Amino acid sequence: MKRVLIVEDEAPLRELWLEAVREGGYEVIAAESADDAFARLDALRADLIVLDLLMPPMQMSGLELLARLHENPRWRDVPVVITSAIGQALDRETAASLGAREILTKPLRSAELLAAIRGIINTPADRAAAPRPFVS
């Protein structure tokens, strides 16, 4: 069973997505912040990461976590789906340059997230390696 890591600081949204992705047939792990996810990277295994860019003040941003994943040989090829508010256009461009496979705009329905996950996980490896264009 494929494993999805969801990094989302808003607890109600994180729980909603956890349930939807689990019901979609995936094993799901949750992290409540980029700091939490980064601290647990050595112990985690994931086939795809769902990452919110905006994290609480005084904590690592989702963009910083994405950069650290991109630098780490173990994690650089794990596909990342970014969830982002509309006003974060600059961060979205940077995320795309760091290899984010899909960039989804919040508010986001669980079905849209699940479709993005399925589209990436169920894509042959040779096609999945190229970043996808912005989805807004």
Protein backbone atom coordinates (compact mmCIF):
# COMPACT_ATOMS: atom_id res chain seq x y z
CA MET A 1 0.00 0.00 0.00
CA LYS A 2 1.36 3.44 -0.94
CA ARG A 3 2.09 5.81 1.95
CA VAL A 4 1.25 9.54 1.93
CA LEU A 5 2.69 12.06 4.39
CA ILE A 6 0.43 15.07 5.00
CA VAL A 7 2.13 18.16 6.47
CA GLU A 8 -0.62 20.59 7.47
CA ASP A 9 -0.77 22.83 10.54
CA GLU A 10 -4.55 23.35 10.56
CA ALA A 11 -5.84 20.38 12.59
CA PRO A 12 -9.41 20.23 11.18
CA LEU A 13 -8.14 20.34 7.60
CA ARG A 14 -5.38 17.82 8.34
CA GLU A 15 -7.92 15.40 9.85
CA LEU A 16 -10.31 15.85 6.93
CA TRP A 17 -7.55 15.11 4.42
CA LEU A 18 -6.23 12.17 6.47
CA GLU A 19 -9.65 10.55 6.40
CA ALA A 20 -10.17 11.20 2.66
CA VAL A 21 -6.75 9.89 1.65
CA ARG A 22 -7.12 6.84 3.92
CA GLU A 23 -10.55 6.11 2.40
CA GLY A 24 -8.91 6.53 -1.02
CA GLY A 25 -6.83 3.44 -0.31
CA TYR A 26 -3.56 4.90 0.95
CA GLU A 27 -1.70 4.57 4.22
CA VAL A 28 -1.44 8.05 5.73
CA ILE A 29 0.99 9.70 8.14
CA ALA A 30 0.44 13.21 9.50
CA ALA A 31 2.79 15.94 10.64
CA GLU A 32 1.41 19.08 12.24
CA SER A 33 4.26 21.29 11.05
CA ALA A 34 7.26 21.40 8.76
CA ASP A 35 9.45 21.19 11.88
CA ASP A 36 7.62 18.04 12.98
CA ALA A 37 8.01 16.44 9.54
CA PHE A 38 11.69 17.40 9.27
CA ALA A 39 12.49 16.02 12.74
CA ARG A 40 10.93 12.67 11.78
CA LEU A 41 12.32 12.32 8.23
CA ASP A 42 14.89 9.69 9.12
CA ALA A 43 12.19 7.45 10.61
CA LEU A 44 9.56 8.08 7.94
CA ARG A 45 8.93 6.47 4.60
CA ALA A 46 6.52 8.04 2.17
CA ASP A 47 5.67 7.61 -1.49
CA LEU A 48 4.23 11.13 -1.74
CA ILE A 49 4.15 14.24 0.47
CA VAL A 50 1.29 16.74 0.71
CA LEU A 51 2.84 19.98 1.98
CA ASP A 52 1.22 23.22 3.08
CA LEU A 53 3.54 26.16 2.34
CA LEU A 54 2.29 28.49 5.06
CA MET A 55 3.21 27.42 8.59
CA PRO A 56 2.85 29.28 11.90
CA PRO A 57 5.27 32.16 12.63
CA MET A 58 8.65 31.27 14.15
CA GLN A 59 8.57 27.79 12.58
CA MET A 60 10.09 26.30 9.46
CA SER A 61 7.98 27.15 6.41
CA GLY A 62 6.73 24.55 3.99
CA LEU A 63 8.97 26.11 1.37
CA GLU A 64 12.02 25.63 3.58
CA LEU A 65 11.06 21.99 4.14
CA LEU A 66 10.65 21.53 0.39
CA ALA A 67 14.16 22.94 -0.15
CA ARG A 68 15.58 20.56 2.48
CA LEU A 69 13.80 17.61 0.87
CA HIS A 70 15.19 18.66 -2.51
CA GLU A 71 18.75 18.69 -1.06
CA ASN A 72 18.43 15.25 0.58
CA PRO A 73 19.26 12.32 -1.75
CA ARG A 74 16.81 10.04 0.09
CA TRP A 75 13.88 12.44 -0.32
CA ARG A 76 14.60 14.45 -3.47
CA ASP A 77 12.71 12.06 -5.76
CA VAL A 78 9.65 11.71 -3.53
CA PRO A 79 6.83 13.60 -5.25
CA VAL A 80 5.41 16.61 -3.41
CA VAL A 81 1.95 18.12 -3.78
CA ILE A 82 1.89 21.69 -2.52
CA THR A 83 -1.22 23.24 -1.04
CA SER A 84 -1.12 27.01 -1.06
CA ALA A 85 -3.29 30.05 -0.53
CA ILE A 86 -3.83 32.24 -3.60
CA GLY A 87 -1.70 35.12 -2.24
CA GLN A 88 1.50 33.10 -2.15
CA ALA A 89 2.42 33.40 -5.83
CA LEU A 90 6.15 33.97 -5.24
CA ASP A 91 6.39 30.92 -2.96
CA ARG A 92 4.45 28.89 -5.53
CA GLU A 93 6.99 29.76 -8.24
CA THR A 94 9.86 28.80 -5.96
CA ALA A 95 8.10 25.55 -5.05
CA ALA A 96 7.76 24.68 -8.72
CA SER A 97 11.47 25.38 -9.26
CA LEU A 98 12.24 22.97 -6.38
CA GLY A 99 10.36 20.21 -8.17
CA ALA A 100 6.89 20.29 -6.63
CA ARG A 101 4.80 18.01 -8.88
CA GLU A 102 1.46 19.67 -8.30
CA ILE A 103 0.50 22.99 -6.72
CA LEU A 104 -3.09 23.21 -5.54
CA THR A 105 -4.84 26.34 -4.34
CA LYS A 106 -6.70 26.45 -1.03
CA PRO A 107 -9.51 26.23 -0.24
CA LEU A 108 -9.26 22.72 -1.57
CA ARG A 109 -11.79 19.90 -1.61
CA SER A 110 -10.62 16.51 -0.42
CA ALA A 111 -11.62 15.02 -3.78
CA GLU A 112 -9.25 17.43 -5.59
CA LEU A 113 -6.38 16.45 -3.32
CA LEU A 114 -7.10 12.76 -3.77
CA ALA A 115 -7.23 13.18 -7.56
CA ALA A 116 -3.82 14.91 -7.52
CA ILE A 117 -2.35 12.13 -5.37
CA ARG A 118 -3.74 9.43 -7.63
CA GLY A 119 -2.54 11.25 -10.73
CA ILE A 120 1.02 11.26 -9.44
CA ILE A 121 1.25 7.90 -7.66
CA ASN A 122 -0.48 6.06 -10.50
CA THR A 123 1.69 7.65 -13.20
CA PRO A 124 4.59 5.62 -14.64
CA ALA A 125 7.93 6.74 -13.13
CA ASP A 126 9.33 8.10 -16.41
CA ARG A 127 6.40 10.53 -16.77
CA ALA A 128 6.14 11.39 -13.07
CA ALA A 129 9.69 12.75 -12.82
CA ALA A 130 8.91 15.98 -14.66
CA PRO A 131 7.26 18.75 -12.64
CA ARG A 132 3.70 19.49 -13.69
CA PRO A 133 2.50 22.97 -14.63
CA PHE A 134 0.76 25.17 -12.09
CA VAL A 135 -2.82 24.26 -11.25
CA SER A 136 -4.73 27.21 -9.84
